[in-house]
Amino acid sequence: MRALRHEIYSGLRLPRERLVENSLAETFRVSRMVIRHALSQLASHGLVEIEPYKGATVAAISSDRIHECYQVLSMLEGFAAMLAVERFTQKDLQQLRKLLEKHRNIDVGNVKEWQVQNHSFHRTINLRCGNQKLIDMIHQNAQFTTYWFLLLSVPGRIPKNTEEHAAIIDAITQGDGQKARQLMERHIMGAGEDLMEHLKKNMPIGFLL
């Protein structure tokens, strides 16, 4: 069920929150059978945990899973950036530079606006890679990192991301695919490492597995 999945990814449903079938059925105006099927699907993707006689809850955040997802995403997007360099036009570069200017004008506390602009930046590069399978894999993996970034904003990360985006644009402008790949991989893994440090220092006991 897309609506429930979106609520989990967006942070409206927090880790370990109970998911009561009757309540969900009323909220989404569907039958309990539909809700049960949706919870089963979400559980298969690791977003929901279902325990016999206890029901369903939003899955707790696993440090191992966060690290793994950032590892995979960094490799996928790094490869996409390398492929995209040869396909970039002056119009594409102009679009990236406009996005970068918007980045620099965003209030550092406005995480949701940053995420919109950040998504546009990465999407512009990914769509130019010319490999639809790769794009699909990035989209599937990026949903998790978007969820964690919105839920757990890391202080100081937005300005750092902006300057890392600027370096990636410079590499693309120079036509250096390998450099663009390395910078993109380092950029994404750096965000993941900062997030993990923030989680360890600030999250309540039991929030992070």
N, C-alpha and C. Protein backbone atom coordinates (compact mmCIF):
# COMPACT_ATOMS: atom_id res chain seq x y z
N MET A 1 0.85 -1.19 0.00
CA MET A 1 0.00 0.00 0.00
C MET A 1 0.89 1.25 0.00
N ARG A 2 0.79 2.03 -1.06
CA ARG A 2 1.67 3.18 -1.24
C ARG A 2 1.52 4.23 -0.16
N ALA A 3 0.28 4.48 0.26
CA ALA A 3 0.04 5.53 1.25
C ALA A 3 0.74 5.24 2.57
N LEU A 4 0.64 4.01 3.04
CA LEU A 4 1.28 3.64 4.30
C LEU A 4 2.80 3.63 4.14
N ARG A 5 3.28 3.14 3.02
CA ARG A 5 4.72 3.15 2.76
C ARG A 5 5.24 4.59 2.78
N HIS A 6 4.50 5.49 2.17
CA HIS A 6 4.90 6.90 2.15
C HIS A 6 4.96 7.48 3.56
N GLU A 7 4.00 7.13 4.39
CA GLU A 7 3.97 7.65 5.76
C GLU A 7 5.19 7.17 6.54
N ILE A 8 5.63 5.96 6.27
CA ILE A 8 6.82 5.45 6.95
C ILE A 8 8.07 6.15 6.44
N TYR A 9 8.19 6.25 5.10
CA TYR A 9 9.36 6.90 4.53
C TYR A 9 9.45 8.37 4.93
N SER A 10 8.31 9.05 5.05
CA SER A 10 8.31 10.48 5.34
C SER A 10 8.49 10.78 6.82
N GLY A 11 8.46 9.75 7.66
CA GLY A 11 8.65 9.98 9.08
C GLY A 11 7.37 10.23 9.85
N LEU A 12 6.22 10.14 9.18
CA LEU A 12 4.95 10.31 9.87
C LEU A 12 4.67 9.13 10.80
N ARG A 13 5.21 7.98 10.44
CA ARG A 13 5.13 6.79 11.29
C ARG A 13 6.54 6.50 11.80
N LEU A 14 6.74 6.61 13.10
CA LEU A 14 8.07 6.49 13.68
C LEU A 14 8.45 5.04 13.97
N PRO A 15 9.76 4.75 14.04
CA PRO A 15 10.21 3.40 14.39
C PRO A 15 9.60 2.92 15.70
N ARG A 16 9.17 1.65 15.71
CA ARG A 16 8.55 0.96 16.84
C ARG A 16 7.10 1.40 17.10
N GLU A 17 6.57 2.25 16.25
CA GLU A 17 5.15 2.65 16.41
C GLU A 17 4.24 1.48 16.04
N ARG A 18 3.21 1.23 16.85
CA ARG A 18 2.28 0.14 16.57
C ARG A 18 1.41 0.48 15.36
N LEU A 19 1.14 -0.52 14.56
CA LEU A 19 0.29 -0.37 13.38
C LEU A 19 -0.94 -1.26 13.59
N VAL A 20 -2.01 -0.65 14.05
CA VAL A 20 -3.22 -1.40 14.39
C VAL A 20 -4.10 -1.53 13.15
N GLU A 21 -4.45 -2.76 12.81
CA GLU A 21 -5.20 -3.02 11.58
C GLU A 21 -6.51 -2.25 11.51
N ASN A 22 -7.30 -2.28 12.58
CA ASN A 22 -8.60 -1.59 12.57
C ASN A 22 -8.44 -0.10 12.33
N SER A 23 -7.49 0.50 13.02
CA SER A 23 -7.24 1.93 12.89
C SER A 23 -6.78 2.29 11.48
N LEU A 24 -5.88 1.48 10.93
CA LEU A 24 -5.38 1.73 9.58
C LEU A 24 -6.49 1.56 8.54
N ALA A 25 -7.35 0.56 8.75
CA ALA A 25 -8.46 0.33 7.82
C ALA A 25 -9.40 1.54 7.80
N GLU A 26 -9.64 2.12 8.97
CA GLU A 26 -10.50 3.31 9.04
C GLU A 26 -9.83 4.52 8.40
N THR A 27 -8.54 4.67 8.67
CA THR A 27 -7.79 5.82 8.13
C THR A 27 -7.76 5.81 6.61
N PHE A 28 -7.49 4.64 6.04
CA PHE A 28 -7.34 4.55 4.59
C PHE A 28 -8.62 4.08 3.88
N ARG A 29 -9.66 3.82 4.68
CA ARG A 29 -10.97 3.44 4.13
C ARG A 29 -10.88 2.21 3.23
N VAL A 30 -10.23 1.19 3.77
CA VAL A 30 -10.13 -0.09 3.07
C VAL A 30 -10.43 -1.20 4.08
N SER A 31 -10.51 -2.42 3.61
CA SER A 31 -10.79 -3.54 4.50
C SER A 31 -9.55 -3.95 5.28
N ARG A 32 -9.77 -4.68 6.37
CA ARG A 32 -8.65 -5.19 7.16
C ARG A 32 -7.81 -6.17 6.34
N MET A 33 -8.45 -6.87 5.41
CA MET A 33 -7.71 -7.81 4.57
C MET A 33 -6.68 -7.07 3.71
N VAL A 34 -7.09 -5.91 3.19
CA VAL A 34 -6.17 -5.09 2.39
C VAL A 34 -5.01 -4.62 3.26
N ILE A 35 -5.31 -4.17 4.48
CA ILE A 35 -4.28 -3.71 5.40
C ILE A 35 -3.32 -4.84 5.76
N ARG A 36 -3.89 -6.02 6.02
CA ARG A 36 -3.06 -7.17 6.39
C ARG A 36 -2.08 -7.51 5.26
N HIS A 37 -2.59 -7.46 4.04
CA HIS A 37 -1.74 -7.75 2.88
C HIS A 37 -0.65 -6.68 2.74
N ALA A 38 -1.02 -5.41 2.95
CA ALA A 38 -0.06 -4.32 2.84
C ALA A 38 1.04 -4.45 3.90
N LEU A 39 0.65 -4.79 5.13
CA LEU A 39 1.63 -4.96 6.19
C LEU A 39 2.58 -6.11 5.88
N SER A 40 2.05 -7.17 5.31
CA SER A 40 2.88 -8.31 4.94
C SER A 40 3.91 -7.91 3.88
N GLN A 41 3.49 -7.11 2.91
CA GLN A 41 4.40 -6.65 1.87
C GLN A 41 5.48 -5.74 2.44
N LEU A 42 5.06 -4.82 3.32
CA LEU A 42 6.02 -3.90 3.93
C LEU A 42 7.01 -4.66 4.81
N ALA A 43 6.54 -5.70 5.45
CA ALA A 43 7.42 -6.53 6.27
C ALA A 43 8.48 -7.22 5.41
N SER A 44 8.08 -7.63 4.21
CA SER A 44 9.03 -8.31 3.31
C SER A 44 10.13 -7.36 2.84
N HIS A 45 9.85 -6.04 2.91
CA HIS A 45 10.84 -5.03 2.51
C HIS A 45 11.57 -4.45 3.72
N GLY A 46 11.30 -4.99 4.90
CA GLY A 46 12.02 -4.56 6.08
C GLY A 46 11.52 -3.28 6.73
N LEU A 47 10.36 -2.78 6.30
CA LEU A 47 9.83 -1.55 6.87
C LEU A 47 8.92 -1.80 8.07
N VAL A 48 8.39 -3.00 8.16
CA VAL A 48 7.45 -3.36 9.23
C VAL A 48 7.88 -4.68 9.86
N GLU A 49 7.66 -4.79 11.17
CA GLU A 49 7.91 -6.05 11.87
C GLU A 49 6.58 -6.60 12.37
N ILE A 50 6.35 -7.88 12.13
CA ILE A 50 5.09 -8.52 12.55
C ILE A 50 5.42 -9.66 13.52
N GLU A 51 4.85 -9.58 14.72
CA GLU A 51 5.06 -10.62 15.73
C GLU A 51 3.74 -11.32 16.02
N PRO A 52 3.75 -12.65 16.08
CA PRO A 52 2.53 -13.40 16.40
C PRO A 52 1.92 -12.94 17.72
N TYR A 53 0.63 -12.73 17.72
CA TYR A 53 -0.15 -12.32 18.90
C TYR A 53 0.15 -10.90 19.39
N LYS A 54 1.09 -10.22 18.76
CA LYS A 54 1.41 -8.85 19.15
C LYS A 54 1.06 -7.83 18.07
N GLY A 55 1.04 -8.27 16.83
CA GLY A 55 0.70 -7.37 15.73
C GLY A 55 1.91 -6.75 15.07
N ALA A 56 1.67 -5.67 14.36
CA ALA A 56 2.71 -5.05 13.54
C ALA A 56 3.20 -3.73 14.13
N THR A 57 4.47 -3.44 13.90
CA THR A 57 5.07 -2.17 14.29
C THR A 57 5.98 -1.70 13.16
N VAL A 58 6.22 -0.39 13.12
CA VAL A 58 7.21 0.14 12.19
C VAL A 58 8.57 -0.39 12.63
N ALA A 59 9.35 -0.90 11.70
CA ALA A 59 10.64 -1.50 12.03
C ALA A 59 11.58 -0.49 12.66
N ALA A 60 12.32 -0.96 13.66
CA ALA A 60 13.36 -0.12 14.27
C ALA A 60 14.48 0.09 13.26
N ILE A 61 15.21 1.16 13.43
CA ILE A 61 16.30 1.47 12.52
C ILE A 61 17.52 0.64 12.89
N SER A 62 18.06 -0.05 11.92
CA SER A 62 19.24 -0.89 12.13
C SER A 62 20.48 -0.16 11.63
N SER A 63 21.50 -0.04 12.48
CA SER A 63 22.74 0.63 12.07
C SER A 63 23.40 -0.11 10.90
N ASP A 64 23.35 -1.44 10.94
CA ASP A 64 23.94 -2.22 9.85
C ASP A 64 23.22 -1.95 8.53
N ARG A 65 21.89 -1.86 8.62
CA ARG A 65 21.13 -1.65 7.39
C ARG A 65 21.35 -0.25 6.82
N ILE A 66 21.45 0.73 7.69
CA ILE A 66 21.74 2.09 7.23
C ILE A 66 23.08 2.10 6.49
N HIS A 67 24.08 1.50 7.11
CA HIS A 67 25.41 1.47 6.51
C HIS A 67 25.39 0.75 5.16
N GLU A 68 24.71 -0.38 5.10
CA GLU A 68 24.63 -1.15 3.86
C GLU A 68 23.93 -0.36 2.76
N CYS A 69 22.83 0.31 3.12
CA CYS A 69 22.09 1.07 2.11
C CYS A 69 22.92 2.22 1.55
N TYR A 70 23.66 2.90 2.43
CA TYR A 70 24.51 4.00 1.95
C TYR A 70 25.66 3.46 1.10
N GLN A 71 26.20 2.31 1.46
CA GLN A 71 27.24 1.70 0.64
C GLN A 71 26.74 1.42 -0.78
N VAL A 72 25.57 0.76 -0.84
CA VAL A 72 25.01 0.40 -2.15
C VAL A 72 24.66 1.64 -2.95
N LEU A 73 24.02 2.62 -2.29
CA LEU A 73 23.61 3.83 -3.00
C LEU A 73 24.82 4.61 -3.52
N SER A 74 25.89 4.65 -2.72
CA SER A 74 27.08 5.39 -3.17
C SER A 74 27.67 4.75 -4.43
N MET A 75 27.69 3.41 -4.49
CA MET A 75 28.22 2.74 -5.67
C MET A 75 27.33 2.96 -6.89
N LEU A 76 26.01 2.86 -6.67
CA LEU A 76 25.07 3.03 -7.78
C LEU A 76 25.13 4.44 -8.34
N GLU A 77 25.05 5.43 -7.45
CA GLU A 77 25.04 6.81 -7.92
C GLU A 77 26.40 7.25 -8.43
N GLY A 78 27.46 6.69 -7.86
CA GLY A 78 28.79 7.01 -8.38
C GLY A 78 28.94 6.52 -9.82
N PHE A 79 28.49 5.31 -10.08
CA PHE A 79 28.55 4.75 -11.44
C PHE A 79 27.67 5.55 -12.39
N ALA A 80 26.48 5.94 -11.90
CA ALA A 80 25.56 6.75 -12.72
C ALA A 80 26.19 8.09 -13.08
N ALA A 81 26.88 8.71 -12.13
CA ALA A 81 27.54 9.99 -12.39
C ALA A 81 28.62 9.85 -13.46
N MET A 82 29.38 8.76 -13.38
CA MET A 82 30.42 8.52 -14.38
C MET A 82 29.82 8.37 -15.77
N LEU A 83 28.75 7.58 -15.87
CA LEU A 83 28.10 7.39 -17.17
C LEU A 83 27.47 8.68 -17.69
N ALA A 84 26.94 9.48 -16.76
CA ALA A 84 26.22 10.70 -17.15
C ALA A 84 27.14 11.76 -17.73
N VAL A 85 28.41 11.78 -17.33
CA VAL A 85 29.34 12.82 -17.77
C VAL A 85 29.37 12.94 -19.30
N GLU A 86 29.42 11.79 -19.98
CA GLU A 86 29.51 11.81 -21.44
C GLU A 86 28.20 12.24 -22.11
N ARG A 87 27.10 12.23 -21.36
CA ARG A 87 25.80 12.55 -21.94
C ARG A 87 25.30 13.94 -21.54
N PHE A 88 26.04 14.61 -20.68
CA PHE A 88 25.60 15.91 -20.22
C PHE A 88 25.72 16.97 -21.30
N THR A 89 24.69 17.81 -21.39
CA THR A 89 24.69 18.94 -22.32
C THR A 89 24.91 20.23 -21.53
N GLN A 90 25.13 21.32 -22.23
CA GLN A 90 25.27 22.62 -21.57
C GLN A 90 23.98 23.00 -20.84
N LYS A 91 22.86 22.59 -21.39
CA LYS A 91 21.57 22.86 -20.74
C LYS A 91 21.48 22.12 -19.41
N ASP A 92 21.94 20.86 -19.40
CA ASP A 92 21.94 20.08 -18.17
C ASP A 92 22.83 20.73 -17.11
N LEU A 93 24.00 21.17 -17.52
CA LEU A 93 24.93 21.82 -16.60
C LEU A 93 24.34 23.12 -16.05
N GLN A 94 23.67 23.85 -16.91
CA GLN A 94 23.04 25.08 -16.47
C GLN A 94 21.97 24.79 -15.41
N GLN A 95 21.23 23.70 -15.62
CA GLN A 95 20.21 23.31 -14.66
C GLN A 95 20.84 22.97 -13.30
N LEU A 96 21.96 22.25 -13.33
CA LEU A 96 22.64 21.89 -12.08
C LEU A 96 23.15 23.14 -11.36
N ARG A 97 23.67 24.09 -12.11
CA ARG A 97 24.18 25.31 -11.48
C ARG A 97 23.05 26.13 -10.86
N LYS A 98 21.90 26.13 -11.49
CA LYS A 98 20.74 26.83 -10.91
C LYS A 98 20.30 26.16 -9.61
N LEU A 99 20.33 24.83 -9.60
CA LEU A 99 19.99 24.09 -8.39
C LEU A 99 20.99 24.40 -7.27
N LEU A 100 22.26 24.48 -7.64
CA LEU A 100 23.29 24.78 -6.65
C LEU A 100 23.06 26.15 -6.03
N GLU A 101 22.65 27.11 -6.84
CA GLU A 101 22.36 28.45 -6.32
C GLU A 101 21.20 28.41 -5.34
N LYS A 102 20.20 27.60 -5.64
CA LYS A 102 19.07 27.43 -4.72
C LYS A 102 19.54 26.78 -3.41
N HIS A 103 20.45 25.80 -3.53
CA HIS A 103 21.00 25.16 -2.33
C HIS A 103 21.57 26.21 -1.38
N ARG A 104 22.34 27.13 -1.96
CA ARG A 104 23.06 28.11 -1.14
C ARG A 104 22.13 29.14 -0.51
N ASN A 105 20.92 29.22 -1.00
CA ASN A 105 19.96 30.19 -0.45
C ASN A 105 18.97 29.56 0.52
N ILE A 106 19.09 28.26 0.74
CA ILE A 106 18.17 27.57 1.65
C ILE A 106 18.62 27.76 3.09
N ASP A 107 17.68 28.05 3.96
CA ASP A 107 17.97 28.12 5.39
C ASP A 107 18.47 26.76 5.86
N VAL A 108 19.55 26.74 6.64
CA VAL A 108 20.16 25.46 7.05
C VAL A 108 19.23 24.63 7.92
N GLY A 109 18.18 25.25 8.47
CA GLY A 109 17.24 24.49 9.29
C GLY A 109 16.05 23.96 8.52
N ASN A 110 15.95 24.32 7.24
CA ASN A 110 14.81 23.91 6.43
C ASN A 110 15.12 22.59 5.72
N VAL A 111 15.03 21.52 6.48
CA VAL A 111 15.44 20.21 5.99
C VAL A 111 14.56 19.72 4.84
N LYS A 112 13.26 19.95 4.95
CA LYS A 112 12.35 19.44 3.91
C LYS A 112 12.59 20.15 2.57
N GLU A 113 12.82 21.46 2.60
CA GLU A 113 13.10 22.18 1.35
C GLU A 113 14.44 21.71 0.77
N TRP A 114 15.40 21.51 1.66
CA TRP A 114 16.69 21.00 1.19
C TRP A 114 16.52 19.65 0.51
N GLN A 115 15.71 18.78 1.10
CA GLN A 115 15.55 17.44 0.54
C GLN A 115 14.94 17.51 -0.86
N VAL A 116 14.01 18.45 -1.08
CA VAL A 116 13.42 18.63 -2.41
C VAL A 116 14.50 19.02 -3.42
N GLN A 117 15.32 19.99 -3.04
CA GLN A 117 16.38 20.46 -3.94
C GLN A 117 17.47 19.40 -4.12
N ASN A 118 17.78 18.69 -3.05
CA ASN A 118 18.78 17.62 -3.12
C ASN A 118 18.31 16.51 -4.06
N HIS A 119 17.03 16.16 -3.96
CA HIS A 119 16.47 15.14 -4.85
C HIS A 119 16.58 15.58 -6.30
N SER A 120 16.29 16.84 -6.57
CA SER A 120 16.37 17.35 -7.94
C SER A 120 17.80 17.28 -8.48
N PHE A 121 18.76 17.60 -7.63
CA PHE A 121 20.17 17.55 -8.04
C PHE A 121 20.57 16.13 -8.43
N HIS A 122 20.31 15.18 -7.55
CA HIS A 122 20.71 13.80 -7.82
C HIS A 122 19.92 13.20 -8.98
N ARG A 123 18.65 13.56 -9.07
CA ARG A 123 17.80 13.03 -10.14
C ARG A 123 18.30 13.52 -11.50
N THR A 124 18.70 14.79 -11.58
CA THR A 124 19.20 15.35 -12.84
C THR A 124 20.40 14.56 -13.34
N ILE A 125 21.30 14.21 -12.43
CA ILE A 125 22.49 13.44 -12.81
C ILE A 125 22.11 12.00 -13.15
N ASN A 126 21.32 11.38 -12.29
CA ASN A 126 20.98 9.97 -12.50
C ASN A 126 20.25 9.72 -13.82
N LEU A 127 19.34 10.61 -14.18
CA LEU A 127 18.56 10.42 -15.40
C LEU A 127 19.39 10.55 -16.67
N ARG A 128 20.58 11.13 -16.54
CA ARG A 128 21.43 11.27 -17.72
C ARG A 128 22.38 10.09 -17.91
N CYS A 129 22.29 9.09 -17.02
CA CYS A 129 23.24 7.96 -17.11
C CYS A 129 22.94 7.05 -18.30
N GLY A 130 21.68 7.05 -18.77
CA GLY A 130 21.34 6.25 -19.94
C GLY A 130 21.09 4.78 -19.66
N ASN A 131 20.93 4.43 -18.38
CA ASN A 131 20.72 3.03 -18.00
C ASN A 131 19.49 2.95 -17.10
N GLN A 132 18.35 2.53 -17.66
CA GLN A 132 17.10 2.53 -16.90
C GLN A 132 17.13 1.57 -15.73
N LYS A 133 17.78 0.44 -15.89
CA LYS A 133 17.88 -0.53 -14.79
C LYS A 133 18.62 0.08 -13.61
N LEU A 134 19.68 0.80 -13.90
CA LEU A 134 20.46 1.47 -12.87
C LEU A 134 19.62 2.54 -12.18
N ILE A 135 18.85 3.29 -12.95
CA ILE A 135 17.98 4.32 -12.39
C ILE A 135 16.95 3.71 -11.44
N ASP A 136 16.37 2.58 -11.86
CA ASP A 136 15.37 1.90 -11.01
C ASP A 136 16.00 1.43 -9.70
N MET A 137 17.20 0.91 -9.76
CA MET A 137 17.88 0.43 -8.55
C MET A 137 18.19 1.60 -7.61
N ILE A 138 18.60 2.72 -8.17
CA ILE A 138 18.87 3.90 -7.35
C ILE A 138 17.60 4.37 -6.66
N HIS A 139 16.51 4.42 -7.40
CA HIS A 139 15.24 4.87 -6.83
C HIS A 139 14.80 3.98 -5.67
N GLN A 140 14.94 2.70 -5.84
CA GLN A 140 14.53 1.75 -4.80
C GLN A 140 15.36 1.94 -3.53
N ASN A 141 16.66 2.13 -3.69
CA ASN A 141 17.54 2.25 -2.54
C ASN A 141 17.46 3.63 -1.89
N ALA A 142 17.26 4.66 -2.71
CA ALA A 142 17.28 6.03 -2.19
C ALA A 142 16.09 6.33 -1.28
N GLN A 143 15.01 5.57 -1.39
CA GLN A 143 13.85 5.81 -0.53
C GLN A 143 14.22 5.68 0.95
N PHE A 144 15.08 4.73 1.26
CA PHE A 144 15.49 4.53 2.66
C PHE A 144 16.33 5.71 3.16
N THR A 145 17.29 6.16 2.34
CA THR A 145 18.15 7.24 2.79
C THR A 145 17.39 8.55 2.89
N THR A 146 16.42 8.77 2.03
CA THR A 146 15.58 9.96 2.13
C THR A 146 14.81 9.95 3.43
N TYR A 147 14.24 8.81 3.77
CA TYR A 147 13.48 8.65 5.02
C TYR A 147 14.34 8.99 6.23
N TRP A 148 15.54 8.42 6.29
CA TRP A 148 16.40 8.66 7.44
C TRP A 148 16.87 10.09 7.53
N PHE A 149 17.13 10.72 6.37
CA PHE A 149 17.62 12.10 6.40
C PHE A 149 16.55 13.04 6.92
N LEU A 150 15.30 12.83 6.51
CA LEU A 150 14.21 13.68 6.97
C LEU A 150 13.91 13.46 8.45
N LEU A 151 13.95 12.22 8.86
CA LEU A 151 13.61 11.88 10.24
C LEU A 151 14.68 12.34 11.22
N LEU A 152 15.92 12.27 10.77
CA LEU A 152 17.04 12.54 11.67
C LEU A 152 18.01 13.53 11.04
N SER A 153 17.61 14.78 11.02
CA SER A 153 18.43 15.81 10.40
C SER A 153 19.77 15.95 11.13
N VAL A 154 20.86 15.93 10.37
CA VAL A 154 22.18 16.04 10.97
C VAL A 154 22.65 17.49 10.90
N PRO A 155 22.88 18.14 12.05
CA PRO A 155 23.31 19.54 12.07
C PRO A 155 24.59 19.75 11.26
N GLY A 156 24.62 20.78 10.43
CA GLY A 156 25.81 21.13 9.66
C GLY A 156 25.97 20.37 8.37
N ARG A 157 25.10 19.39 8.11
CA ARG A 157 25.29 18.57 6.93
C ARG A 157 24.84 19.31 5.65
N ILE A 158 23.86 20.18 5.74
CA ILE A 158 23.35 20.84 4.54
C ILE A 158 24.41 21.71 3.86
N PRO A 159 25.11 22.60 4.58
CA PRO A 159 26.17 23.38 3.92
C PRO A 159 27.28 22.50 3.34
N LYS A 160 27.61 21.45 4.06
CA LYS A 160 28.64 20.52 3.58
C LYS A 160 28.20 19.84 2.30
N ASN A 161 26.94 19.41 2.25
CA ASN A 161 26.39 18.78 1.04
C ASN A 161 26.45 19.74 -0.14
N THR A 162 26.12 20.99 0.11
CA THR A 162 26.10 21.99 -0.95
C THR A 162 27.47 22.13 -1.60
N GLU A 163 28.52 22.21 -0.80
CA GLU A 163 29.86 22.35 -1.36
C GLU A 163 30.32 21.07 -2.05
N GLU A 164 29.87 19.93 -1.57
CA GLU A 164 30.19 18.67 -2.24
C GLU A 164 29.48 18.59 -3.59
N HIS A 165 28.26 19.11 -3.65
CA HIS A 165 27.55 19.18 -4.93
C HIS A 165 28.31 20.07 -5.91
N ALA A 166 28.86 21.18 -5.41
CA ALA A 166 29.62 22.09 -6.27
C ALA A 166 30.83 21.39 -6.87
N ALA A 167 31.51 20.57 -6.07
CA ALA A 167 32.69 19.85 -6.56
C ALA A 167 32.30 18.82 -7.62
N ILE A 168 31.15 18.18 -7.44
CA ILE A 168 30.66 17.20 -8.43
C ILE A 168 30.35 17.91 -9.75
N ILE A 169 29.72 19.07 -9.66
CA ILE A 169 29.42 19.84 -10.87
C ILE A 169 30.70 20.21 -11.60
N ASP A 170 31.72 20.62 -10.86
CA ASP A 170 33.01 20.97 -11.48
C ASP A 170 33.59 19.77 -12.24
N ALA A 171 33.51 18.58 -11.63
CA ALA A 171 34.05 17.37 -12.29
C ALA A 171 33.28 17.06 -13.57
N ILE A 172 31.96 17.22 -13.52
CA ILE A 172 31.14 16.98 -14.72
C ILE A 172 31.47 18.00 -15.80
N THR A 173 31.64 19.25 -15.40
CA THR A 173 31.98 20.32 -16.35
C THR A 173 33.30 20.03 -17.04
N GLN A 174 34.24 19.48 -16.28
CA GLN A 174 35.56 19.14 -16.83
C GLN A 174 35.53 17.87 -17.67
N GLY A 175 34.39 17.16 -17.66
CA GLY A 175 34.29 15.92 -18.42
C GLY A 175 35.06 14.77 -17.81
N ASP A 176 35.31 14.85 -16.50
CA ASP A 176 36.09 13.83 -15.80
C ASP A 176 35.16 12.84 -15.10
N GLY A 177 34.84 11.76 -15.79
CA GLY A 177 33.89 10.79 -15.28
C GLY A 177 34.37 10.08 -14.02
N GLN A 178 35.64 9.72 -13.99
CA GLN A 178 36.18 9.02 -12.82
C GLN A 178 36.15 9.90 -11.57
N LYS A 179 36.49 11.17 -11.76
CA LYS A 179 36.46 12.09 -10.62
C LYS A 179 35.03 12.30 -10.13
N ALA A 180 34.10 12.44 -11.08
CA ALA A 180 32.69 12.60 -10.71
C ALA A 180 32.20 11.39 -9.92
N ARG A 181 32.62 10.22 -10.35
CA ARG A 181 32.24 8.98 -9.66
C ARG A 181 32.80 8.97 -8.22
N GLN A 182 34.07 9.27 -8.09
CA GLN A 182 34.71 9.26 -6.77
C GLN A 182 34.07 10.28 -5.83
N LEU A 183 33.82 11.48 -6.34
CA LEU A 183 33.23 12.53 -5.51
C LEU A 183 31.81 12.17 -5.09
N MET A 184 31.05 11.56 -6.00
CA MET A 184 29.68 11.18 -5.67
C MET A 184 29.68 10.07 -4.61
N GLU A 185 30.54 9.09 -4.77
CA GLU A 185 30.62 8.00 -3.78
C GLU A 185 31.02 8.55 -2.41
N ARG A 186 32.01 9.45 -2.39
CA ARG A 186 32.48 10.03 -1.13
C ARG A 186 31.38 10.90 -0.50
N HIS A 187 30.65 11.61 -1.33
CA HIS A 187 29.56 12.48 -0.88
C HIS A 187 28.47 11.68 -0.16
N ILE A 188 28.04 10.60 -0.78
CA ILE A 188 26.95 9.80 -0.21
C ILE A 188 27.41 9.04 1.03
N MET A 189 28.60 8.46 0.99
CA MET A 189 29.10 7.74 2.16
C MET A 189 29.36 8.70 3.32
N GLY A 190 29.79 9.91 3.02
CA GLY A 190 30.02 10.90 4.06
C GLY A 190 28.73 11.25 4.77
N ALA A 191 27.65 11.39 4.01
CA ALA A 191 26.34 11.68 4.60
C ALA A 191 25.91 10.53 5.50
N GLY A 192 26.15 9.30 5.04
CA GLY A 192 25.79 8.14 5.84
C GLY A 192 26.59 8.05 7.14
N GLU A 193 27.87 8.34 7.07
CA GLU A 193 28.72 8.29 8.26
C GLU A 193 28.33 9.37 9.27
N ASP A 194 28.00 10.57 8.76
CA ASP A 194 27.56 11.65 9.65
C ASP A 194 26.25 11.28 10.33
N LEU A 195 25.37 10.65 9.58
CA LEU A 195 24.09 10.24 10.13
C LEU A 195 24.29 9.21 11.25
N MET A 196 25.18 8.25 11.03
CA MET A 196 25.41 7.23 12.03
C MET A 196 25.98 7.83 13.32
N GLU A 197 26.90 8.78 13.19
CA GLU A 197 27.47 9.44 14.36
C GLU A 197 26.39 10.20 15.13
N HIS A 198 25.52 10.87 14.38
CA HIS A 198 24.43 11.62 15.00
C HIS A 198 23.47 10.70 15.74
N LEU A 199 23.18 9.57 15.13
CA LEU A 199 22.28 8.60 15.75
C LEU A 199 22.85 8.07 17.06
N LYS A 200 24.12 7.70 17.04
CA LYS A 200 24.74 7.12 18.22
C LYS A 200 24.77 8.11 19.39
N LYS A 201 24.92 9.39 19.08
CA LYS A 201 25.04 10.40 20.13
C LYS A 201 23.69 10.90 20.65
N ASN A 202 22.66 10.88 19.79
CA ASN A 202 21.43 11.59 20.14
C ASN A 202 20.16 10.76 20.26
N MET A 203 20.16 9.53 19.75
CA MET A 203 18.93 8.76 19.76
C MET A 203 18.75 8.03 21.09
N PRO A 204 17.50 7.90 21.55
CA PRO A 204 17.21 7.18 22.79
C PRO A 204 17.63 5.71 22.70
N ILE A 205 17.92 5.12 23.85
CA ILE A 205 18.27 3.69 23.88
C ILE A 205 17.11 2.86 23.33
N GLY A 206 17.42 1.95 22.44
CA GLY A 206 16.40 1.10 21.85
C GLY A 206 15.91 1.61 20.50
N PHE A 207 16.23 2.88 20.17
CA PHE A 207 15.78 3.43 18.88
C PHE A 207 16.59 2.85 17.74
N LEU A 208 17.86 2.61 17.99
CA LEU A 208 18.78 2.10 16.97
C LEU A 208 19.23 0.70 17.32
N LEU A 209 19.06 -0.22 16.40
CA LEU A 209 19.49 -1.61 16.64
C LEU A 209 20.99 -1.77 16.36
